[in-house]
């Protein structure tokens, strides 16, 4: 977060969009990591291989990521 805020302030980028992007990237990383605690816990509860569950979860997360990328791009163009 400190690096993102510093770069946003120095480049004149929107601070709210930068904060949102930093939090969104953290959530995306937590959801897609096969080494994350929720992935391992859920896979063990479902008695699935961890990698299979991580791949399954990645399909849905990719849709959300694509939608967020489009919305951030639109917001970047229209909220100047």
PDB file of N, CA and C in Angstrom:
ATOM      1  N   UNK A   1       0.816  -1.196   0.000  1.00  0.00           N
ATOM      2  CA  UNK A   1       0.000   0.000   0.000  1.00  0.00           C
ATOM      3  C   UNK A   1       0.861   1.262   0.000  1.00  0.00           C
ATOM      4  N   UNK A   2       1.927   1.339   0.792  1.00  0.00           N
ATOM      5  CA  UNK A   2       2.718   2.573   0.779  1.00  0.00           C
ATOM      6  C   UNK A   2       3.323   2.880  -0.592  1.00  0.00           C
ATOM      7  N   UNK A   3       3.791   1.861  -1.283  1.00  0.00           N
ATOM      8  CA  UNK A   3       4.379   2.088  -2.605  1.00  0.00           C
ATOM      9  C   UNK A   3       3.310   2.536  -3.600  1.00  0.00           C
ATOM     10  N   UNK A   4       2.150   1.899  -3.554  1.00  0.00           N
ATOM     11  CA  UNK A   4       1.068   2.281  -4.461  1.00  0.00           C
ATOM     12  C   UNK A   4       0.610   3.707  -4.245  1.00  0.00           C
ATOM     13  N   UNK A   5       0.487   4.106  -2.989  1.00  0.00           N
ATOM     14  CA  UNK A   5       0.058   5.472  -2.685  1.00  0.00           C
ATOM     15  C   UNK A   5       1.112   6.494  -3.110  1.00  0.00           C
ATOM     16  N   UNK A   6       2.371   6.157  -2.884  1.00  0.00           N
ATOM     17  CA  UNK A   6       3.455   7.066  -3.281  1.00  0.00           C
ATOM     18  C   UNK A   6       3.483   7.241  -4.793  1.00  0.00           C
ATOM     19  N   UNK A   7       3.364   6.133  -5.521  1.00  0.00           N
ATOM     20  CA  UNK A   7       3.368   6.224  -6.980  1.00  0.00           C
ATOM     21  C   UNK A   7       2.146   6.968  -7.501  1.00  0.00           C
ATOM     22  N   UNK A   8       0.990   6.734  -6.889  1.00  0.00           N
ATOM     23  CA  UNK A   8      -0.223   7.432  -7.320  1.00  0.00           C
ATOM     24  C   UNK A   8      -0.108   8.930  -7.078  1.00  0.00           C
ATOM     25  N   UNK A   9       0.419   9.320  -5.934  1.00  0.00           N
ATOM     26  CA  UNK A   9       0.572  10.743  -5.632  1.00  0.00           C
ATOM     27  C   UNK A   9       1.592  11.403  -6.553  1.00  0.00           C
ATOM     28  N   UNK A  10       2.670  10.695  -6.846  1.00  0.00           N
ATOM     29  CA  UNK A  10       3.717  11.266  -7.699  1.00  0.00           C
ATOM     30  C   UNK A  10       3.274  11.376  -9.156  1.00  0.00           C
ATOM     31  N   UNK A  11       2.441  10.446  -9.605  1.00  0.00           N
ATOM     32  CA  UNK A  11       2.028  10.456 -11.009  1.00  0.00           C
ATOM     33  C   UNK A  11       0.711  11.173 -11.243  1.00  0.00           C
ATOM     34  N   UNK A  12       0.047  11.585 -10.175  1.00  0.00           N
ATOM     35  CA  UNK A  12      -1.216  12.285 -10.322  1.00  0.00           C
ATOM     36  C   UNK A  12      -2.394  11.362 -10.574  1.00  0.00           C
ATOM     37  N   UNK A  13      -2.242  10.082 -10.277  1.00  0.00           N
ATOM     38  CA  UNK A  13      -3.324   9.115 -10.471  1.00  0.00           C
ATOM     39  C   UNK A  13      -4.373   9.289  -9.376  1.00  0.00           C
ATOM     40  N   UNK A  14      -5.524   8.737  -9.622  1.00  0.00           N
ATOM     41  CA  UNK A  14      -6.620   8.818  -8.656  1.00  0.00           C
ATOM     42  C   UNK A  14      -6.282   7.971  -7.421  1.00  0.00           C
ATOM     43  N   UNK A  15      -6.291   8.590  -6.253  1.00  0.00           N
ATOM     44  CA  UNK A  15      -5.986   7.864  -5.018  1.00  0.00           C
ATOM     45  C   UNK A  15      -7.050   6.818  -4.674  1.00  0.00           C
ATOM     46  N   UNK A  16      -8.353   7.118  -4.805  1.00  0.00           N
ATOM     47  CA  UNK A  16      -9.347   6.078  -4.519  1.00  0.00           C
ATOM     48  C   UNK A  16      -9.226   4.869  -5.449  1.00  0.00           C
ATOM     49  N   UNK A  17      -8.951   5.108  -6.722  1.00  0.00           N
ATOM     50  CA  UNK A  17      -8.773   3.985  -7.642  1.00  0.00           C
ATOM     51  C   UNK A  17      -7.531   3.176  -7.285  1.00  0.00           C
ATOM     52  N   UNK A  18      -6.486   3.847  -6.847  1.00  0.00           N
ATOM     53  CA  UNK A  18      -5.268   3.154  -6.461  1.00  0.00           C
ATOM     54  C   UNK A  18      -5.495   2.284  -5.227  1.00  0.00           C
ATOM     55  N   UNK A  19      -6.186   2.821  -4.233  1.00  0.00           N
ATOM     56  CA  UNK A  19      -6.493   2.037  -3.030  1.00  0.00           C
ATOM     57  C   UNK A  19      -7.342   0.826  -3.398  1.00  0.00           C
ATOM     58  N   UNK A  20      -8.346   1.032  -4.239  1.00  0.00           N
ATOM     59  CA  UNK A  20      -9.188  -0.075  -4.677  1.00  0.00           C
ATOM     60  C   UNK A  20      -8.400  -1.135  -5.428  1.00  0.00           C
ATOM     61  N   UNK A  21      -7.488  -0.707  -6.280  1.00  0.00           N
ATOM     62  CA  UNK A  21      -6.684  -1.656  -7.044  1.00  0.00           C
ATOM     63  C   UNK A  21      -5.753  -2.463  -6.137  1.00  0.00           C
ATOM     64  N   UNK A  22      -5.200  -1.816  -5.131  1.00  0.00           N
ATOM     65  CA  UNK A  22      -4.305  -2.525  -4.198  1.00  0.00           C
ATOM     66  C   UNK A  22      -5.083  -3.578  -3.410  1.00  0.00           C
ATOM     67  N   UNK A  23      -6.259  -3.200  -2.899  1.00  0.00           N
ATOM     68  CA  UNK A  23      -7.066  -4.174  -2.152  1.00  0.00           C
ATOM     69  C   UNK A  23      -7.575  -5.292  -3.054  1.00  0.00           C
ATOM     70  N   UNK A  24      -7.968  -4.954  -4.282  1.00  0.00           N
ATOM     71  CA  UNK A  24      -8.453  -5.969  -5.215  1.00  0.00           C
ATOM     72  C   UNK A  24      -7.348  -6.951  -5.590  1.00  0.00           C
ATOM     73  N   UNK A  25      -6.143  -6.454  -5.777  1.00  0.00           N
ATOM     74  CA  UNK A  25      -5.049  -7.363  -6.123  1.00  0.00           C
ATOM     75  C   UNK A  25      -4.703  -8.279  -4.957  1.00  0.00           C
ATOM     76  N   UNK A  26      -4.808  -7.772  -3.741  1.00  0.00           N
ATOM     77  CA  UNK A  26      -4.581  -8.623  -2.573  1.00  0.00           C
ATOM     78  C   UNK A  26      -5.625  -9.711  -2.449  1.00  0.00           C
ATOM     79  N   UNK A  27      -6.878  -9.356  -2.700  1.00  0.00           N
ATOM     80  CA  UNK A  27      -7.954 -10.355  -2.646  1.00  0.00           C
ATOM     81  C   UNK A  27      -7.803 -11.375  -3.758  1.00  0.00           C
ATOM     82  N   UNK A  28      -7.421 -10.924  -4.954  1.00  0.00           N
ATOM     83  CA  UNK A  28      -7.209 -11.853  -6.067  1.00  0.00           C
ATOM     84  C   UNK A  28      -6.059 -12.806  -5.766  1.00  0.00           C
ATOM     85  N   UNK A  29      -4.991 -12.287  -5.211  1.00  0.00           N
ATOM     86  CA  UNK A  29      -3.852 -13.143  -4.862  1.00  0.00           C
ATOM     87  C   UNK A  29      -4.205 -14.161  -3.799  1.00  0.00           C
ATOM     88  N   UNK A  30      -4.993 -13.756  -2.824  1.00  0.00           N
ATOM     89  CA  UNK A  30      -5.409 -14.697  -1.780  1.00  0.00           C
ATOM     90  C   UNK A  30      -6.323 -15.777  -2.326  1.00  0.00           C
ATOM     91  N   UNK A  31      -7.178 -15.410  -3.288  1.00  0.00           N
ATOM     92  CA  UNK A  31      -8.109 -16.390  -3.851  1.00  0.00           C
ATOM     93  C   UNK A  31      -7.423 -17.370  -4.793  1.00  0.00           C
ATOM     94  N   UNK A  32      -6.417 -16.931  -5.527  1.00  0.00           N
ATOM     95  CA  UNK A  32      -5.824 -17.785  -6.550  1.00  0.00           C
ATOM     96  C   UNK A  32      -4.596 -18.554  -6.077  1.00  0.00           C
ATOM     97  N   UNK A  33      -4.101 -18.261  -4.920  1.00  0.00           N
ATOM     98  CA  UNK A  33      -2.900 -18.948  -4.442  1.00  0.00           C
ATOM     99  C   UNK A  33      -3.229 -20.369  -3.988  1.00  0.00           C
ATOM    100  N   UNK A  34      -2.553 -21.356  -4.570  1.00  0.00           N
ATOM    101  CA  UNK A  34      -2.773 -22.726  -4.104  1.00  0.00           C
ATOM    102  C   UNK A  34      -2.144 -22.982  -2.734  1.00  0.00           C
ATOM    103  N   UNK A  35      -1.349 -22.041  -2.260  1.00  0.00           N
ATOM    104  CA  UNK A  35      -0.719 -22.192  -0.955  1.00  0.00           C
ATOM    105  C   UNK A  35      -1.446 -21.406   0.134  1.00  0.00           C
ATOM    106  N   UNK A  36      -2.578 -20.789  -0.222  1.00  0.00           N
ATOM    107  CA  UNK A  36      -3.326 -20.006   0.748  1.00  0.00           C
ATOM    108  C   UNK A  36      -4.018 -20.892   1.778  1.00  0.00           C
ATOM    109  N   UNK A  37      -4.214 -20.337   2.960  1.00  0.00           N
ATOM    110  CA  UNK A  37      -4.800 -21.127   4.044  1.00  0.00           C
ATOM    111  C   UNK A  37      -6.232 -21.547   3.755  1.00  0.00           C
ATOM    112  N   UNK A  38      -7.022 -20.671   3.138  1.00  0.00           N
ATOM    113  CA  UNK A  38      -8.406 -21.056   2.854  1.00  0.00           C
ATOM    114  C   UNK A  38      -8.490 -22.118   1.771  1.00  0.00           C
ATOM    115  N   UNK A  39      -7.582 -22.070   0.812  1.00  0.00           N
ATOM    116  CA  UNK A  39      -7.574 -23.082  -0.247  1.00  0.00           C
ATOM    117  C   UNK A  39      -7.245 -24.448   0.331  1.00  0.00           C
ATOM    118  N   UNK A  40      -6.231 -24.504   1.147  1.00  0.00           N
ATOM    119  CA  UNK A  40      -5.815 -25.784   1.730  1.00  0.00           C
ATOM    120  C   UNK A  40      -6.886 -26.310   2.690  1.00  0.00           C
ATOM    121  N   UNK A  41      -7.448 -25.436   3.500  1.00  0.00           N
ATOM    122  CA  UNK A  41      -8.469 -25.858   4.459  1.00  0.00           C
ATOM    123  C   UNK A  41      -9.716 -26.370   3.748  1.00  0.00           C
ATOM    124  N   UNK A  42     -10.184 -25.623   2.765  1.00  0.00           N
ATOM    125  CA  UNK A  42     -11.390 -26.028   2.048  1.00  0.00           C
ATOM    126  C   UNK A  42     -11.167 -27.313   1.269  1.00  0.00           C
ATOM    127  N   UNK A  43     -10.012 -27.444   0.627  1.00  0.00           N
ATOM    128  CA  UNK A  43      -9.719 -28.668  -0.112  1.00  0.00           C
ATOM    129  C   UNK A  43      -9.664 -29.870   0.821  1.00  0.00           C
ATOM    130  N   UNK A  44      -9.124 -29.699   2.009  1.00  0.00           N
ATOM    131  CA  UNK A  44      -9.066 -30.816   2.949  1.00  0.00           C
ATOM    132  C   UNK A  44     -10.450 -31.155   3.502  1.00  0.00           C
ATOM    133  N   UNK A  45     -11.302 -30.146   3.700  1.00  0.00           N
ATOM    134  CA  UNK A  45     -12.669 -30.414   4.152  1.00  0.00           C
ATOM    135  C   UNK A  45     -13.450 -31.161   3.071  1.00  0.00           C
ATOM    136  N   UNK A  46     -13.260 -30.752   1.818  1.00  0.00           N
ATOM    137  CA  UNK A  46     -13.959 -31.400   0.700  1.00  0.00           C
ATOM    138  C   UNK A  46     -13.294 -32.703   0.260  1.00  0.00           C
ATOM    139  N   UNK A  47     -12.160 -33.011   0.861  1.00  0.00           N
ATOM    140  CA  UNK A  47     -11.370 -34.203   0.520  1.00  0.00           C
ATOM    141  C   UNK A  47     -11.019 -34.229  -0.967  1.00  0.00           C
ATOM    142  N   UNK A  48     -10.543 -33.080  -1.455  1.00  0.00           N
ATOM    143  CA  UNK A  48     -10.096 -32.926  -2.833  1.00  0.00           C
ATOM    144  C   UNK A  48      -8.601 -32.657  -2.838  1.00  0.00           C
ATOM    145  N   UNK A  49      -7.916 -32.996  -3.921  1.00  0.00           N
ATOM    146  CA  UNK A  49      -6.518 -32.556  -4.042  1.00  0.00           C
ATOM    147  C   UNK A  49      -6.461 -31.023  -4.090  1.00  0.00           C
ATOM    148  N   UNK A  50      -5.480 -30.456  -3.444  1.00  0.00           N
ATOM    149  CA  UNK A  50      -5.379 -29.002  -3.337  1.00  0.00           C
ATOM    150  C   UNK A  50      -5.266 -28.355  -4.709  1.00  0.00           C
ATOM    151  N   UNK A  51      -4.475 -28.924  -5.592  1.00  0.00           N
ATOM    152  CA  UNK A  51      -4.284 -28.330  -6.921  1.00  0.00           C
ATOM    153  C   UNK A  51      -5.580 -28.370  -7.727  1.00  0.00           C
ATOM    154  N   UNK A  52      -6.331 -29.436  -7.617  1.00  0.00           N
ATOM    155  CA  UNK A  52      -7.614 -29.521  -8.335  1.00  0.00           C
ATOM    156  C   UNK A  52      -8.577 -28.457  -7.832  1.00  0.00           C
ATOM    157  N   UNK A  53      -8.639 -28.279  -6.531  1.00  0.00           N
ATOM    158  CA  UNK A  53      -9.523 -27.257  -5.972  1.00  0.00           C
ATOM    159  C   UNK A  53      -9.062 -25.856  -6.369  1.00  0.00           C
ATOM    160  N   UNK A  54      -7.754 -25.623  -6.376  1.00  0.00           N
ATOM    161  CA  UNK A  54      -7.228 -24.308  -6.757  1.00  0.00           C
ATOM    162  C   UNK A  54      -7.562 -24.003  -8.215  1.00  0.00           C
ATOM    163  N   UNK A  55      -7.448 -24.991  -9.083  1.00  0.00           N
ATOM    164  CA  UNK A  55      -7.814 -24.779 -10.495  1.00  0.00           C
ATOM    165  C   UNK A  55      -9.304 -24.523 -10.650  1.00  0.00           C
ATOM    166  N   UNK A  56     -10.108 -25.240  -9.905  1.00  0.00           N
ATOM    167  CA  UNK A  56     -11.555 -25.045  -9.940  1.00  0.00           C
ATOM    168  C   UNK A  56     -11.910 -23.623  -9.509  1.00  0.00           C
ATOM    169  N   UNK A  57     -11.294 -23.168  -8.456  1.00  0.00           N
ATOM    170  CA  UNK A  57     -11.559 -21.838  -7.910  1.00  0.00           C
ATOM    171  C   UNK A  57     -11.047 -20.736  -8.843  1.00  0.00           C
ATOM    172  N   UNK A  58      -9.997 -21.023  -9.586  1.00  0.00           N
ATOM    173  CA  UNK A  58      -9.409 -20.033 -10.482  1.00  0.00           C
ATOM    174  C   UNK A  58     -10.360 -19.649 -11.603  1.00  0.00           C
ATOM    175  N   UNK A  59     -11.194 -20.586 -12.059  1.00  0.00           N
ATOM    176  CA  UNK A  59     -12.138 -20.287 -13.139  1.00  0.00           C
ATOM    177  C   UNK A  59     -13.076 -19.151 -12.749  1.00  0.00           C
ATOM    178  N   UNK A  60     -13.626 -19.216 -11.560  1.00  0.00           N
ATOM    179  CA  UNK A  60     -14.563 -18.196 -11.114  1.00  0.00           C
ATOM    180  C   UNK A  60     -13.851 -16.891 -10.774  1.00  0.00           C
ATOM    181  N   UNK A  61     -12.680 -16.998 -10.243  1.00  0.00           N
ATOM    182  CA  UNK A  61     -11.927 -15.802  -9.889  1.00  0.00           C
ATOM    183  C   UNK A  61     -11.482 -15.047 -11.133  1.00  0.00           C
ATOM    184  N   UNK A  62     -11.172 -15.769 -12.208  1.00  0.00           N
ATOM    185  CA  UNK A  62     -10.754 -15.123 -13.453  1.00  0.00           C
ATOM    186  C   UNK A  62     -11.879 -14.283 -14.044  1.00  0.00           C
ATOM    187  N   UNK A  63     -13.114 -14.736 -13.909  1.00  0.00           N
ATOM    188  CA  UNK A  63     -14.252 -13.960 -14.405  1.00  0.00           C
ATOM    189  C   UNK A  63     -14.360 -12.643 -13.621  1.00  0.00           C
ATOM    190  N   UNK A  64     -14.246 -12.718 -12.323  1.00  0.00           N
ATOM    191  CA  UNK A  64     -14.279 -11.506 -11.502  1.00  0.00           C
ATOM    192  C   UNK A  64     -13.118 -10.580 -11.801  1.00  0.00           C
ATOM    193  N   UNK A  65     -11.960 -11.150 -12.040  1.00  0.00           N
ATOM    194  CA  UNK A  65     -10.775 -10.343 -12.364  1.00  0.00           C
ATOM    195  C   UNK A  65     -10.966  -9.607 -13.686  1.00  0.00           C
ATOM    196  N   UNK A  66     -11.506 -10.292 -14.680  1.00  0.00           N
ATOM    197  CA  UNK A  66     -11.740  -9.660 -15.979  1.00  0.00           C
ATOM    198  C   UNK A  66     -12.750  -8.525 -15.854  1.00  0.00           C
ATOM    199  N   UNK A  67     -13.818  -8.768 -15.101  1.00  0.00           N
ATOM    200  CA  UNK A  67     -14.827  -7.718 -14.911  1.00  0.00           C
ATOM    201  C   UNK A  67     -14.232  -6.521 -14.182  1.00  0.00           C
ATOM    202  N   UNK A  68     -13.436  -6.773 -13.157  1.00  0.00           N
ATOM    203  CA  UNK A  68     -12.810  -5.678 -12.416  1.00  0.00           C
ATOM    204  C   UNK A  68     -11.823  -4.910 -13.293  1.00  0.00           C
ATOM    205  N   UNK A  69     -11.075  -5.609 -14.135  1.00  0.00           N
ATOM    206  CA  UNK A  69     -10.116  -4.933 -15.018  1.00  0.00           C
ATOM    207  C   UNK A  69     -10.832  -4.005 -15.988  1.00  0.00           C
ATOM    208  N   UNK A  70     -11.962  -4.449 -16.527  1.00  0.00           N
ATOM    209  CA  UNK A  70     -12.732  -3.606 -17.440  1.00  0.00           C
ATOM    210  C   UNK A  70     -13.276  -2.387 -16.700  1.00  0.00           C
ATOM    211  N   UNK A  71     -13.794  -2.605 -15.500  1.00  0.00           N
ATOM    212  CA  UNK A  71     -14.348  -1.477 -14.741  1.00  0.00           C
ATOM    213  C   UNK A  71     -13.265  -0.482 -14.320  1.00  0.00           C
ATOM    214  N   UNK A  72     -12.090  -0.971 -13.928  1.00  0.00           N
ATOM    215  CA  UNK A  72     -10.993  -0.062 -13.572  1.00  0.00           C
ATOM    216  C   UNK A  72     -10.530   0.722 -14.781  1.00  0.00           C
ATOM    217  N   UNK A  73     -10.480   0.076 -15.946  1.00  0.00           N
ATOM    218  CA  UNK A  73     -10.075   0.780 -17.160  1.00  0.00           C
ATOM    219  C   UNK A  73     -11.087   1.871 -17.503  1.00  0.00           C
ATOM    220  N   UNK A  74     -12.374   1.543 -17.430  1.00  0.00           N
ATOM    221  CA  UNK A  74     -13.416   2.542 -17.711  1.00  0.00           C
ATOM    222  C   UNK A  74     -13.350   3.680 -16.700  1.00  0.00           C
ATOM    223  N   UNK A  75     -13.207   3.350 -15.429  1.00  0.00           N
ATOM    224  CA  UNK A  75     -13.132   4.386 -14.399  1.00  0.00           C
ATOM    225  C   UNK A  75     -11.905   5.259 -14.600  1.00  0.00           C
ATOM    226  N   UNK A  76     -10.808   4.672 -15.029  1.00  0.00           N
ATOM    227  CA  UNK A  76      -9.594   5.454 -15.273  1.00  0.00           C
ATOM    228  C   UNK A  76      -9.760   6.455 -16.382  1.00  0.00           C
ATOM    229  N   UNK A  77     -10.541   6.098 -17.404  1.00  0.00           N
ATOM    230  CA  UNK A  77     -10.759   7.016 -18.515  1.00  0.00           C
ATOM    231  C   UNK A  77     -11.786   8.101 -18.193  1.00  0.00           C
ATOM    232  N   UNK A  78     -12.823   7.732 -17.427  1.00  0.00           N
ATOM    233  CA  UNK A  78     -13.915   8.668 -17.208  1.00  0.00           C
ATOM    234  C   UNK A  78     -13.806   9.482 -15.932  1.00  0.00           C
ATOM    235  N   UNK A  79     -12.972   9.112 -15.000  1.00  0.00           N
ATOM    236  CA  UNK A  79     -12.872   9.832 -13.718  1.00  0.00           C
ATOM    237  C   UNK A  79     -11.598  10.670 -13.618  1.00  0.00           C
ATOM    238  N   UNK A  80     -11.251  11.340 -14.666  1.00  0.00           N
ATOM    239  CA  UNK A  80     -10.043  12.167 -14.632  1.00  0.00           C
ATOM    240  C   UNK A  80     -10.342  13.544 -14.139  1.00  0.00           C
TER     241      UNK A  80
END
